[in-house]
Amino acid sequence: MLFVAVGVLLIVLNLAGVGPFGAWTWNLTGDLWKFCVPFALAVLWWWFSDASGLNKRREMKRDEERKAKRRRENLASLGLDTRSTRDSKKARP
């Protein structure tokens, strides 16, 4: 997402004519490649994160955290102790 934001920022700065970015041209033989590089890097990053399983691991972690939070909230709304019974039995002498 960072690469896409940088690419959009470069385009906005060029259109606004700010700094050296305002002097870049849109010709194929000119500076067009400078506008395309961040978007190409974003595509490569997304391909890598999908191929390596990084996205899936993040998704699974979010799901597990959501389940644990929902379980804690349900137990608290029922007035039950949020610790499991096994933990409380171990703590007793």
PDB file of N, CA and C in Angstrom:
ATOM      1  N   MET A   1       0.819  -1.183   0.000  1.00  0.00           N
ATOM      2  CA  MET A   1       0.000   0.000   0.000  1.00  0.00           C
ATOM      3  C   MET A   1       0.865   1.250   0.000  1.00  0.00           C
ATOM      4  N   LEU A   2       2.015   1.161   0.635  1.00  0.00           N
ATOM      5  CA  LEU A   2       2.921   2.306   0.687  1.00  0.00           C
ATOM      6  C   LEU A   2       3.401   2.685  -0.709  1.00  0.00           C
ATOM      7  N   PHE A   3       3.698   1.690  -1.534  1.00  0.00           N
ATOM      8  CA  PHE A   3       4.162   1.971  -2.893  1.00  0.00           C
ATOM      9  C   PHE A   3       3.080   2.680  -3.715  1.00  0.00           C
ATOM     10  N   VAL A   4       1.853   2.266  -3.550  1.00  0.00           N
ATOM     11  CA  VAL A   4       0.741   2.907  -4.269  1.00  0.00           C
ATOM     12  C   VAL A   4       0.590   4.353  -3.803  1.00  0.00           C
ATOM     13  N   ALA A   5       0.702   4.579  -2.506  1.00  0.00           N
ATOM     14  CA  ALA A   5       0.598   5.941  -1.981  1.00  0.00           C
ATOM     15  C   ALA A   5       1.713   6.831  -2.524  1.00  0.00           C
ATOM     16  N   VAL A   6       2.924   6.286  -2.609  1.00  0.00           N
ATOM     17  CA  VAL A   6       4.050   7.053  -3.158  1.00  0.00           C
ATOM     18  C   VAL A   6       3.799   7.368  -4.630  1.00  0.00           C
ATOM     19  N   GLY A   7       3.301   6.401  -5.388  1.00  0.00           N
ATOM     20  CA  GLY A   7       3.006   6.621  -6.795  1.00  0.00           C
ATOM     21  C   GLY A   7       1.952   7.694  -7.004  1.00  0.00           C
ATOM     22  N   VAL A   8       0.899   7.642  -6.215  1.00  0.00           N
ATOM     23  CA  VAL A   8      -0.157   8.650  -6.322  1.00  0.00           C
ATOM     24  C   VAL A   8       0.390  10.016  -5.907  1.00  0.00           C
ATOM     25  N   LEU A   9       1.217  10.051  -4.882  1.00  0.00           N
ATOM     26  CA  LEU A   9       1.822  11.310  -4.445  1.00  0.00           C
ATOM     27  C   LEU A   9       2.696  11.909  -5.543  1.00  0.00           C
ATOM     28  N   LEU A  10       3.457  11.082  -6.231  1.00  0.00           N
ATOM     29  CA  LEU A  10       4.282  11.573  -7.336  1.00  0.00           C
ATOM     30  C   LEU A  10       3.419  12.183  -8.444  1.00  0.00           C
ATOM     31  N   ILE A  11       2.330  11.528  -8.755  1.00  0.00           N
ATOM     32  CA  ILE A  11       1.431  12.045  -9.805  1.00  0.00           C
ATOM     33  C   ILE A  11       0.808  13.366  -9.374  1.00  0.00           C
ATOM     34  N   VAL A  12       0.359  13.437  -8.129  1.00  0.00           N
ATOM     35  CA  VAL A  12      -0.253  14.674  -7.636  1.00  0.00           C
ATOM     36  C   VAL A  12       0.766  15.811  -7.629  1.00  0.00           C
ATOM     37  N   LEU A  13       1.994  15.536  -7.176  1.00  0.00           N
ATOM     38  CA  LEU A  13       3.032  16.572  -7.163  1.00  0.00           C
ATOM     39  C   LEU A  13       3.361  17.036  -8.573  1.00  0.00           C
ATOM     40  N   ASN A  14       3.354  16.115  -9.531  1.00  0.00           N
ATOM     41  CA  ASN A  14       3.631  16.489 -10.916  1.00  0.00           C
ATOM     42  C   ASN A  14       2.527  17.371 -11.473  1.00  0.00           C
ATOM     43  N   LEU A  15       1.295  16.978 -11.228  1.00  0.00           N
ATOM     44  CA  LEU A  15       0.172  17.762 -11.746  1.00  0.00           C
ATOM     45  C   LEU A  15       0.089  19.137 -11.091  1.00  0.00           C
ATOM     46  N   ALA A  16       0.528  19.224  -9.830  1.00  0.00           N
ATOM     47  CA  ALA A  16       0.514  20.506  -9.128  1.00  0.00           C
ATOM     48  C   ALA A  16       1.736  21.354  -9.480  1.00  0.00           C
ATOM     49  N   GLY A  17       2.739  20.726 -10.109  1.00  0.00           N
ATOM     50  CA  GLY A  17       3.948  21.454 -10.490  1.00  0.00           C
ATOM     51  C   GLY A  17       4.857  21.774  -9.335  1.00  0.00           C
ATOM     52  N   VAL A  18       4.881  20.906  -8.334  1.00  0.00           N
ATOM     53  CA  VAL A  18       5.672  21.136  -7.131  1.00  0.00           C
ATOM     54  C   VAL A  18       7.059  20.525  -7.285  1.00  0.00           C
ATOM     55  N   GLY A  19       8.089  21.313  -6.997  1.00  0.00           N
ATOM     56  CA  GLY A  19       9.468  20.849  -6.960  1.00  0.00           C
ATOM     57  C   GLY A  19       9.934  20.238  -8.265  1.00  0.00           C
ATOM     58  N   PRO A  20      10.917  19.348  -8.171  1.00  0.00           N
ATOM     59  CA  PRO A  20      11.445  18.718  -9.384  1.00  0.00           C
ATOM     60  C   PRO A  20      10.440  17.765 -10.038  1.00  0.00           C
ATOM     61  N   PHE A  21       9.467  17.320  -9.269  1.00  0.00           N
ATOM     62  CA  PHE A  21       8.457  16.409  -9.819  1.00  0.00           C
ATOM     63  C   PHE A  21       7.588  17.110 -10.860  1.00  0.00           C
ATOM     64  N   GLY A  22       7.434  18.392 -10.717  1.00  0.00           N
ATOM     65  CA  GLY A  22       6.620  19.163 -11.650  1.00  0.00           C
ATOM     66  C   GLY A  22       7.237  19.270 -13.024  1.00  0.00           C
ATOM     67  N   ALA A  23       8.539  19.044 -13.119  1.00  0.00           N
ATOM     68  CA  ALA A  23       9.226  19.157 -14.409  1.00  0.00           C
ATOM     69  C   ALA A  23       9.278  17.830 -15.164  1.00  0.00           C
ATOM     70  N   TRP A  24       8.853  16.749 -14.522  1.00  0.00           N
ATOM     71  CA  TRP A  24       8.885  15.455 -15.200  1.00  0.00           C
ATOM     72  C   TRP A  24       7.865  15.446 -16.328  1.00  0.00           C
ATOM     73  N   THR A  25       8.229  14.758 -17.422  1.00  0.00           N
ATOM     74  CA  THR A  25       7.338  14.674 -18.581  1.00  0.00           C
ATOM     75  C   THR A  25       6.623  13.332 -18.600  1.00  0.00           C
ATOM     76  N   TRP A  26       5.547  13.270 -19.381  1.00  0.00           N
ATOM     77  CA  TRP A  26       4.763  12.045 -19.500  1.00  0.00           C
ATOM     78  C   TRP A  26       5.093  11.298 -20.790  1.00  0.00           C
ATOM     79  N   ASN A  27       6.181  11.641 -21.456  1.00  0.00           N
ATOM     80  CA  ASN A  27       6.571  10.978 -22.696  1.00  0.00           C
ATOM     81  C   ASN A  27       7.128   9.589 -22.404  1.00  0.00           C
ATOM     82  N   LEU A  28       6.927   8.662 -23.350  1.00  0.00           N
ATOM     83  CA  LEU A  28       7.474   7.318 -23.174  1.00  0.00           C
ATOM     84  C   LEU A  28       8.993   7.332 -23.111  1.00  0.00           C
ATOM     85  N   THR A  29       9.609   8.225 -23.845  1.00  0.00           N
ATOM     86  CA  THR A  29      11.068   8.312 -23.839  1.00  0.00           C
ATOM     87  C   THR A  29      11.576   9.256 -22.761  1.00  0.00           C
ATOM     88  N   GLY A  30      10.680   9.862 -21.996  1.00  0.00           N
ATOM     89  CA  GLY A  30      11.062  10.817 -20.958  1.00  0.00           C
ATOM     90  C   GLY A  30      11.027  10.205 -19.580  1.00  0.00           C
ATOM     91  N   ASP A  31      10.244  10.810 -18.715  1.00  0.00           N
ATOM     92  CA  ASP A  31      10.216  10.430 -17.302  1.00  0.00           C
ATOM     93  C   ASP A  31       9.025   9.551 -16.914  1.00  0.00           C
ATOM     94  N   LEU A  32       8.335   8.987 -17.861  1.00  0.00           N
ATOM     95  CA  LEU A  32       7.166   8.160 -17.547  1.00  0.00           C
ATOM     96  C   LEU A  32       7.527   6.982 -16.646  1.00  0.00           C
ATOM     97  N   TRP A  33       8.714   6.433 -16.825  1.00  0.00           N
ATOM     98  CA  TRP A  33       9.124   5.286 -16.012  1.00  0.00           C
ATOM     99  C   TRP A  33       9.186   5.647 -14.532  1.00  0.00           C
ATOM    100  N   LYS A  34       9.474   6.899 -14.211  1.00  0.00           N
ATOM    101  CA  LYS A  34       9.549   7.312 -12.804  1.00  0.00           C
ATOM    102  C   LYS A  34       8.174   7.253 -12.134  1.00  0.00           C
ATOM    103  N   PHE A  35       7.122   7.475 -12.911  1.00  0.00           N
ATOM    104  CA  PHE A  35       5.774   7.373 -12.368  1.00  0.00           C
ATOM    105  C   PHE A  35       5.346   5.922 -12.215  1.00  0.00           C
ATOM    106  N   CYS A  36       5.873   5.048 -13.073  1.00  0.00           N
ATOM    107  CA  CYS A  36       5.454   3.642 -13.086  1.00  0.00           C
ATOM    108  C   CYS A  36       6.179   2.777 -12.062  1.00  0.00           C
ATOM    109  N   VAL A  37       7.368   3.162 -11.645  1.00  0.00           N
ATOM    110  CA  VAL A  37       8.176   2.333 -10.745  1.00  0.00           C
ATOM    111  C   VAL A  37       7.448   2.012  -9.434  1.00  0.00           C
ATOM    112  N   PRO A  38       6.853   2.979  -8.712  1.00  0.00           N
ATOM    113  CA  PRO A  38       6.178   2.616  -7.455  1.00  0.00           C
ATOM    114  C   PRO A  38       5.030   1.628  -7.647  1.00  0.00           C
ATOM    115  N   PHE A  39       4.298   1.765  -8.749  1.00  0.00           N
ATOM    116  CA  PHE A  39       3.185   0.842  -8.995  1.00  0.00           C
ATOM    117  C   PHE A  39       3.695  -0.552  -9.345  1.00  0.00           C
ATOM    118  N   ALA A  40       4.805  -0.633 -10.084  1.00  0.00           N
ATOM    119  CA  ALA A  40       5.417  -1.930 -10.393  1.00  0.00           C
ATOM    120  C   ALA A  40       5.931  -2.586  -9.119  1.00  0.00           C
ATOM    121  N   LEU A  41       6.527  -1.808  -8.220  1.00  0.00           N
ATOM    122  CA  LEU A  41       6.990  -2.354  -6.943  1.00  0.00           C
ATOM    123  C   LEU A  41       5.822  -2.843  -6.095  1.00  0.00           C
ATOM    124  N   ALA A  42       4.700  -2.145  -6.160  1.00  0.00           N
ATOM    125  CA  ALA A  42       3.511  -2.588  -5.420  1.00  0.00           C
ATOM    126  C   ALA A  42       3.016  -3.928  -5.945  1.00  0.00           C
ATOM    127  N   VAL A  43       3.008  -4.091  -7.263  1.00  0.00           N
ATOM    128  CA  VAL A  43       2.579  -5.368  -7.850  1.00  0.00           C
ATOM    129  C   VAL A  43       3.529  -6.483  -7.426  1.00  0.00           C
ATOM    130  N   LEU A  44       4.824  -6.218  -7.447  1.00  0.00           N
ATOM    131  CA  LEU A  44       5.803  -7.231  -7.020  1.00  0.00           C
ATOM    132  C   LEU A  44       5.625  -7.588  -5.544  1.00  0.00           C
ATOM    133  N   TRP A  45       5.384  -6.594  -4.712  1.00  0.00           N
ATOM    134  CA  TRP A  45       5.189  -6.862  -3.286  1.00  0.00           C
ATOM    135  C   TRP A  45       3.943  -7.708  -3.058  1.00  0.00           C
ATOM    136  N   TRP A  46       2.845  -7.362  -3.731  1.00  0.00           N
ATOM    137  CA  TRP A  46       1.625  -8.143  -3.571  1.00  0.00           C
ATOM    138  C   TRP A  46       1.821  -9.565  -4.070  1.00  0.00           C
ATOM    139  N   TRP A  47       2.537  -9.735  -5.153  1.00  0.00           N
ATOM    140  CA  TRP A  47       2.802 -11.084  -5.656  1.00  0.00           C
ATOM    141  C   TRP A  47       3.629 -11.864  -4.641  1.00  0.00           C
ATOM    142  N   PHE A  48       4.676 -11.235  -4.101  1.00  0.00           N
ATOM    143  CA  PHE A  48       5.535 -11.909  -3.126  1.00  0.00           C
ATOM    144  C   PHE A  48       4.760 -12.272  -1.865  1.00  0.00           C
ATOM    145  N   SER A  49       3.959 -11.358  -1.334  1.00  0.00           N
ATOM    146  CA  SER A  49       3.243 -11.626  -0.086  1.00  0.00           C
ATOM    147  C   SER A  49       2.195 -12.720  -0.275  1.00  0.00           C
ATOM    148  N   ASP A  50       1.594 -12.799  -1.454  1.00  0.00           N
ATOM    149  CA  ASP A  50       0.654 -13.887  -1.717  1.00  0.00           C
ATOM    150  C   ASP A  50       1.384 -15.211  -1.888  1.00  0.00           C
ATOM    151  N   ALA A  51       2.500 -15.192  -2.615  1.00  0.00           N
ATOM    152  CA  ALA A  51       3.240 -16.431  -2.876  1.00  0.00           C
ATOM    153  C   ALA A  51       3.882 -16.988  -1.612  1.00  0.00           C
ATOM    154  N   SER A  52       4.315 -16.130  -0.719  1.00  0.00           N
ATOM    155  CA  SER A  52       4.987 -16.595   0.498  1.00  0.00           C
ATOM    156  C   SER A  52       4.012 -16.982   1.599  1.00  0.00           C
ATOM    157  N   GLY A  53       2.750 -16.661   1.445  1.00  0.00           N
ATOM    158  CA  GLY A  53       1.755 -16.996   2.467  1.00  0.00           C
ATOM    159  C   GLY A  53       1.632 -15.943   3.548  1.00  0.00           C
ATOM    160  N   LEU A  54       2.287 -14.822   3.383  1.00  0.00           N
ATOM    161  CA  LEU A  54       2.257 -13.762   4.386  1.00  0.00           C
ATOM    162  C   LEU A  54       0.840 -13.242   4.600  1.00  0.00           C
ATOM    163  N   ASN A  55       0.103 -13.034   3.536  1.00  0.00           N
ATOM    164  CA  ASN A  55      -1.274 -12.543   3.660  1.00  0.00           C
ATOM    165  C   ASN A  55      -2.152 -13.536   4.402  1.00  0.00           C
ATOM    166  N   LYS A  56      -1.985 -14.819   4.104  1.00  0.00           N
ATOM    167  CA  LYS A  56      -2.813 -15.843   4.739  1.00  0.00           C
ATOM    168  C   LYS A  56      -2.520 -15.930   6.232  1.00  0.00           C
ATOM    169  N   ARG A  57      -1.237 -15.836   6.600  1.00  0.00           N
ATOM    170  CA  ARG A  57      -0.877 -15.882   8.023  1.00  0.00           C
ATOM    171  C   ARG A  57      -1.466 -14.685   8.766  1.00  0.00           C
ATOM    172  N   ARG A  58      -1.412 -13.513   8.158  1.00  0.00           N
ATOM    173  CA  ARG A  58      -1.989 -12.319   8.789  1.00  0.00           C
ATOM    174  C   ARG A  58      -3.497 -12.471   8.946  1.00  0.00           C
ATOM    175  N   GLU A  59      -4.142 -13.009   7.939  1.00  0.00           N
ATOM    176  CA  GLU A  59      -5.589 -13.210   7.997  1.00  0.00           C
ATOM    177  C   GLU A  59      -5.958 -14.205   9.091  1.00  0.00           C
ATOM    178  N   MET A  60      -5.202 -15.293   9.188  1.00  0.00           N
ATOM    179  CA  MET A  60      -5.483 -16.292  10.213  1.00  0.00           C
ATOM    180  C   MET A  60      -5.258 -15.719  11.614  1.00  0.00           C
ATOM    181  N   LYS A  61      -4.228 -14.903  11.782  1.00  0.00           N
ATOM    182  CA  LYS A  61      -3.960 -14.296  13.077  1.00  0.00           C
ATOM    183  C   LYS A  61      -5.088 -13.348  13.476  1.00  0.00           C
ATOM    184  N   ARG A  62      -5.575 -12.547  12.519  1.00  0.00           N
ATOM    185  CA  ARG A  62      -6.701 -11.651  12.801  1.00  0.00           C
ATOM    186  C   ARG A  62      -7.946 -12.437  13.194  1.00  0.00           C
ATOM    187  N   ASP A  63      -8.204 -13.555  12.513  1.00  0.00           N
ATOM    188  CA  ASP A  63      -9.370 -14.375  12.841  1.00  0.00           C
ATOM    189  C   ASP A  63      -9.262 -14.950  14.247  1.00  0.00           C
ATOM    190  N   GLU A  64      -8.074 -15.431  14.619  1.00  0.00           N
ATOM    191  CA  GLU A  64      -7.877 -15.994  15.954  1.00  0.00           C
ATOM    192  C   GLU A  64      -8.044 -14.925  17.025  1.00  0.00           C
ATOM    193  N   GLU A  65      -7.526 -13.729  16.786  1.00  0.00           N
ATOM    194  CA  GLU A  65      -7.692 -12.642  17.746  1.00  0.00           C
ATOM    195  C   GLU A  65      -9.153 -12.247  17.884  1.00  0.00           C
ATOM    196  N   ARG A  66      -9.875 -12.229  16.763  1.00  0.00           N
ATOM    197  CA  ARG A  66     -11.293 -11.888  16.794  1.00  0.00           C
ATOM    198  C   ARG A  66     -12.086 -12.943  17.571  1.00  0.00           C
ATOM    199  N   LYS A  67     -11.750 -14.222  17.382  1.00  0.00           N
ATOM    200  CA  LYS A  67     -12.432 -15.291  18.110  1.00  0.00           C
ATOM    201  C   LYS A  67     -12.176 -15.184  19.607  1.00  0.00           C
ATOM    202  N   ALA A  68     -10.918 -14.939  19.972  1.00  0.00           N
ATOM    203  CA  ALA A  68     -10.578 -14.835  21.394  1.00  0.00           C
ATOM    204  C   ALA A  68     -11.276 -13.643  22.038  1.00  0.00           C
ATOM    205  N   LYS A  69     -11.338 -12.526  21.337  1.00  0.00           N
ATOM    206  CA  LYS A  69     -12.008 -11.343  21.873  1.00  0.00           C
ATOM    207  C   LYS A  69     -13.505 -11.609  22.047  1.00  0.00           C
ATOM    208  N   ARG A  70     -14.107 -12.241  21.043  1.00  0.00           N
ATOM    209  CA  ARG A  70     -15.533 -12.552  21.126  1.00  0.00           C
ATOM    210  C   ARG A  70     -15.807 -13.503  22.292  1.00  0.00           C
ATOM    211  N   ARG A  71     -14.926 -14.484  22.500  1.00  0.00           N
ATOM    212  CA  ARG A  71     -15.109 -15.435  23.604  1.00  0.00           C
ATOM    213  C   ARG A  71     -15.001 -14.724  24.949  1.00  0.00           C
ATOM    214  N   ARG A  72     -13.999 -13.837  25.094  1.00  0.00           N
ATOM    215  CA  ARG A  72     -13.852 -13.083  26.346  1.00  0.00           C
ATOM    216  C   ARG A  72     -15.071 -12.210  26.611  1.00  0.00           C
ATOM    217  N   GLU A  73     -15.580 -11.535  25.566  1.00  0.00           N
ATOM    218  CA  GLU A  73     -16.748 -10.673  25.741  1.00  0.00           C
ATOM    219  C   GLU A  73     -17.983 -11.485  26.115  1.00  0.00           C
ATOM    220  N   ASN A  74     -18.155 -12.644  25.486  1.00  0.00           N
ATOM    221  CA  ASN A  74     -19.321 -13.479  25.803  1.00  0.00           C
ATOM    222  C   ASN A  74     -19.252 -14.003  27.227  1.00  0.00           C
ATOM    223  N   LEU A  75     -18.073 -14.430  27.658  1.00  0.00           N
ATOM    224  CA  LEU A  75     -17.930 -14.918  29.029  1.00  0.00           C
ATOM    225  C   LEU A  75     -18.151 -13.789  30.026  1.00  0.00           C
ATOM    226  N   ALA A  76     -17.656 -12.608  29.716  1.00  0.00           N
ATOM    227  CA  ALA A  76     -17.846 -11.478  30.622  1.00  0.00           C
ATOM    228  C   ALA A  76     -19.315 -11.084  30.689  1.00  0.00           C
ATOM    229  N   SER A  77     -20.026 -11.132  29.574  1.00  0.00           N
ATOM    230  CA  SER A  77     -21.449 -10.767  29.588  1.00  0.00           C
ATOM    231  C   SER A  77     -22.286 -11.799  30.329  1.00  0.00           C
ATOM    232  N   LEU A  78     -21.807 -13.038  30.382  1.00  0.00           N
ATOM    233  CA  LEU A  78     -22.509 -14.074  31.137  1.00  0.00           C
ATOM    234  C   LEU A  78     -22.137 -14.044  32.615  1.00  0.00           C
ATOM    235  N   GLY A  79     -21.145 -13.241  32.958  1.00  0.00           N
ATOM    236  CA  GLY A  79     -20.725 -13.141  34.349  1.00  0.00           C
ATOM    237  C   GLY A  79     -19.796 -14.259  34.766  1.00  0.00           C
ATOM    238  N   LEU A  80     -19.217 -14.928  33.816  1.00  0.00           N
ATOM    239  CA  LEU A  80     -18.295 -16.018  34.120  1.00  0.00           C
ATOM    240  C   LEU A  80     -16.874 -15.502  34.145  1.00  0.00           C
ATOM    241  N   ASP A  81     -16.022 -16.245  34.828  1.00  0.00           N
ATOM    242  CA  ASP A  81     -14.607 -15.882  34.874  1.00  0.00           C
ATOM    243  C   ASP A  81     -14.016 -16.094  33.492  1.00  0.00           C
ATOM    244  N   THR A  82     -13.205 -15.152  33.037  1.00  0.00           N
ATOM    245  CA  THR A  82     -12.636 -15.263  31.695  1.00  0.00           C
ATOM    246  C   THR A  82     -11.474 -16.244  31.633  1.00  0.00           C
ATOM    247  N   ARG A  83     -10.938 -16.607  32.796  1.00  0.00           N
ATOM    248  CA  ARG A  83      -9.880 -17.618  32.787  1.00  0.00           C
ATOM    249  C   ARG A  83     -10.512 -18.999  32.626  1.00  0.00           C
ATOM    250  N   SER A  84      -9.783 -19.886  32.015  1.00  0.00           N
ATOM    251  CA  SER A  84     -10.345 -21.229  31.840  1.00  0.00           C
ATOM    252  C   SER A  84     -10.335 -21.970  33.172  1.00  0.00           C
ATOM    253  N   THR A  85     -11.131 -23.012  33.284  1.00  0.00           N
ATOM    254  CA  THR A  85     -11.218 -23.771  34.535  1.00  0.00           C
ATOM    255  C   THR A  85      -9.928 -24.527  34.813  1.00  0.00           C
ATOM    256  N   ARG A  86      -9.230 -24.928  33.781  1.00  0.00           N
ATOM    257  CA  ARG A  86      -7.957 -25.621  33.969  1.00  0.00           C
ATOM    258  C   ARG A  86      -6.946 -24.712  34.650  1.00  0.00           C
ATOM    259  N   ASP A  87      -6.900 -23.440  34.251  1.00  0.00           N
ATOM    260  CA  ASP A  87      -5.969 -22.497  34.853  1.00  0.00           C
ATOM    261  C   ASP A  87      -6.309 -22.260  36.317  1.00  0.00           C
ATOM    262  N   SER A  88      -7.588 -22.171  36.636  1.00  0.00           N
ATOM    263  CA  SER A  88      -7.976 -21.891  38.008  1.00  0.00           C
ATOM    264  C   SER A  88      -7.728 -23.124  38.902  1.00  0.00           C
ATOM    265  N   LYS A  89      -7.843 -24.332  38.341  1.00  0.00           N
ATOM    266  CA  LYS A  89      -7.568 -25.531  39.143  1.00  0.00           C
ATOM    267  C   LYS A  89      -6.085 -25.656  39.429  1.00  0.00           C
ATOM    268  N   LYS A  90      -5.255 -25.248  38.489  1.00  0.00           N
ATOM    269  CA  LYS A  90      -3.813 -25.314  38.695  1.00  0.00           C
ATOM    270  C   LYS A  90      -3.386 -24.323  39.755  1.00  0.00           C
ATOM    271  N   ALA A  91      -4.044 -23.198  39.861  1.00  0.00           N
ATOM    272  CA  ALA A  91      -3.661 -22.164  40.801  1.00  0.00           C
ATOM    273  C   ALA A  91      -4.060 -22.523  42.230  1.00  0.00           C
ATOM    274  N   ARG A  92      -5.050 -23.399  42.401  1.00  0.00           N
ATOM    275  CA  ARG A  92      -5.500 -23.781  43.744  1.00  0.00           C
ATOM    276  C   ARG A  92      -4.518 -24.786  44.337  1.00  0.00           C
ATOM    277  N   PRO A  93      -4.269 -24.677  45.655  1.00  0.00           N
ATOM    278  CA  PRO A  93      -3.370 -25.648  46.320  1.00  0.00           C
ATOM    279  C   PRO A  93      -4.010 -26.964  46.606  1.00  0.00           C
TER     280      PRO A  93
END
